[in-house]
Amino acid sequence: MPQITVERSPYLDDVDWEEFALALHAVVVETAAARLEACKTRVLRTEDEVVGAERERHAVVDVSVALLAGRSDETKARLTEAVVELLRKHVRPRDGLTLHLSAEVRDLDPSYRKAEV
């Protein structure tokens, strides 16, 4: 915990996603009182994306942060805003490409378990 998933467009191969993940871990620790060594991020490159009804070029980045239950709605909202702001710093606009940046913070299901081996 936290389990973080970044789904990102193939148009964004030039972003340093490891740097983003490390910065994101610090934000999660500061905002949601998580332990740094518990932060785990997977960055998944999507293949096909369609936005709306036009064949324009769009790039989508969506970050999902799953935390153990117990954080207030206010804390989760602050973290969501901080994640979107961090995305804005790392994913810069580019000509001919519309960026869609989003984030969600949610509670892990009570059935969540982990093992380190």
Protein backbone atom coordinates (compact mmCIF):
# COMPACT_ATOMS: atom_id res chain seq x y z
CA MET A 1 0.00 0.00 0.00
CA PRO A 2 -0.32 2.47 -1.70
CA GLN A 3 -0.97 0.72 -4.99
CA ILE A 4 -0.56 3.27 -7.79
CA THR A 5 -1.32 2.72 -11.46
CA VAL A 6 -0.52 5.20 -14.20
CA GLU A 7 -2.17 4.51 -17.55
CA ARG A 8 -0.61 6.69 -20.23
CA SER A 9 -0.80 7.36 -23.93
CA PRO A 10 1.79 6.09 -26.40
CA TYR A 11 2.23 9.72 -27.52
CA LEU A 12 3.98 10.36 -24.21
CA ASP A 13 7.00 8.07 -24.53
CA ASP A 14 9.33 11.02 -23.95
CA VAL A 15 8.12 11.66 -20.39
CA ASP A 16 10.45 10.40 -17.64
CA TRP A 17 7.88 8.18 -15.92
CA GLU A 18 10.32 6.94 -13.28
CA GLU A 19 11.02 10.53 -12.24
CA PHE A 20 7.27 11.16 -12.12
CA ALA A 21 6.71 8.06 -9.97
CA LEU A 22 9.41 9.06 -7.49
CA ALA A 23 7.94 12.56 -7.19
CA LEU A 24 4.48 11.04 -6.83
CA HIS A 25 5.62 8.83 -3.96
CA ALA A 26 6.81 11.90 -2.07
CA VAL A 27 3.44 13.60 -2.64
CA VAL A 28 1.56 10.53 -1.38
CA VAL A 29 3.73 10.36 1.74
CA GLU A 30 3.32 14.06 2.49
CA THR A 31 -0.41 14.27 1.77
CA ALA A 32 -1.75 10.90 2.91
CA ALA A 33 0.78 9.89 5.57
CA ALA A 34 1.82 6.77 3.67
CA ARG A 35 5.19 5.12 4.20
CA LEU A 36 7.62 5.81 1.36
CA GLU A 37 8.85 2.21 1.23
CA ALA A 38 5.25 1.03 0.79
CA CYS A 39 4.58 3.11 -2.35
CA LYS A 40 4.43 0.99 -5.50
CA THR A 41 3.77 2.46 -8.95
CA ARG A 42 3.17 0.69 -12.25
CA VAL A 43 3.19 2.72 -15.45
CA LEU A 44 1.15 1.09 -18.20
CA ARG A 45 1.40 2.25 -21.81
CA THR A 46 -1.92 2.07 -23.60
CA GLU A 47 -2.11 1.17 -27.27
CA ASP A 48 -5.33 2.66 -28.57
CA GLU A 49 -7.28 5.65 -27.30
CA VAL A 50 -10.35 7.37 -28.62
CA VAL A 51 -11.70 10.61 -27.18
CA GLY A 52 -15.02 12.02 -28.34
CA ALA A 53 -16.22 11.71 -31.91
CA GLU A 54 -13.31 13.24 -33.84
CA ARG A 55 -10.12 11.69 -35.11
CA GLU A 56 -7.95 14.30 -33.47
CA ARG A 57 -4.78 13.46 -31.59
CA HIS A 58 -5.36 13.10 -27.87
CA ALA A 59 -3.09 11.89 -25.09
CA VAL A 60 -4.60 10.45 -21.94
CA VAL A 61 -2.93 10.01 -18.56
CA ASP A 62 -4.96 8.61 -15.69
CA VAL A 63 -3.50 7.96 -12.24
CA SER A 64 -5.25 5.69 -9.75
CA VAL A 65 -4.04 5.69 -6.14
CA ALA A 66 -5.43 2.97 -3.90
CA LEU A 67 -4.87 3.41 -0.15
CA LEU A 68 -5.76 1.43 2.93
CA ALA A 69 -9.04 2.74 4.31
CA GLY A 70 -9.02 5.44 6.94
CA ARG A 71 -8.19 8.66 5.12
CA SER A 72 -10.82 11.37 5.12
CA ASP A 73 -12.56 12.48 1.94
CA GLU A 74 -10.74 15.79 2.33
CA THR A 75 -7.35 14.07 2.41
CA LYS A 76 -8.21 12.03 -0.67
CA ALA A 77 -9.39 15.16 -2.50
CA ARG A 78 -6.17 17.02 -1.59
CA LEU A 79 -4.13 14.09 -2.85
CA THR A 80 -6.10 13.93 -6.10
CA GLU A 81 -5.49 17.63 -6.72
CA ALA A 82 -1.79 17.23 -5.92
CA VAL A 83 -1.48 14.32 -8.36
CA VAL A 84 -3.09 16.32 -11.19
CA GLU A 85 -0.78 19.25 -10.45
CA LEU A 86 2.23 16.93 -10.51
CA LEU A 87 1.07 15.56 -13.87
CA ARG A 88 0.94 19.14 -15.21
CA LYS A 89 4.59 19.61 -14.22
CA HIS A 90 5.79 16.38 -15.86
CA VAL A 91 3.54 16.12 -18.92
CA ARG A 92 3.94 19.25 -21.00
CA PRO A 93 1.53 20.38 -23.74
CA ARG A 94 2.68 19.82 -27.31
CA ASP A 95 1.53 21.08 -30.66
CA GLY A 96 -1.34 19.19 -32.24
CA LEU A 97 -2.04 17.08 -29.17
CA THR A 98 -4.80 17.58 -26.62
CA LEU A 99 -3.83 16.33 -23.14
CA HIS A 100 -6.34 14.74 -20.76
CA LEU A 101 -4.88 14.41 -17.25
CA SER A 102 -6.89 12.79 -14.46
CA ALA A 103 -6.47 11.16 -11.07
CA GLU A 104 -8.53 9.22 -8.57
CA VAL A 105 -7.79 8.26 -4.98
CA ARG A 106 -9.80 5.40 -3.52
CA ASP A 107 -9.79 2.94 -0.65
CA LEU A 108 -8.45 -0.55 -1.16
CA ASP A 109 -11.00 -3.29 -0.66
CA PRO A 110 -10.88 -4.81 2.86
CA SER A 111 -9.82 -8.10 1.24
CA TYR A 112 -6.49 -6.56 0.13
CA ARG A 113 -3.44 -8.55 1.19
CA LYS A 114 0.20 -8.35 0.21
CA ALA A 115 3.32 -10.46 0.56
CA GLU A 116 6.98 -9.62 0.15
CA VAL A 117 9.12 -12.63 -0.62
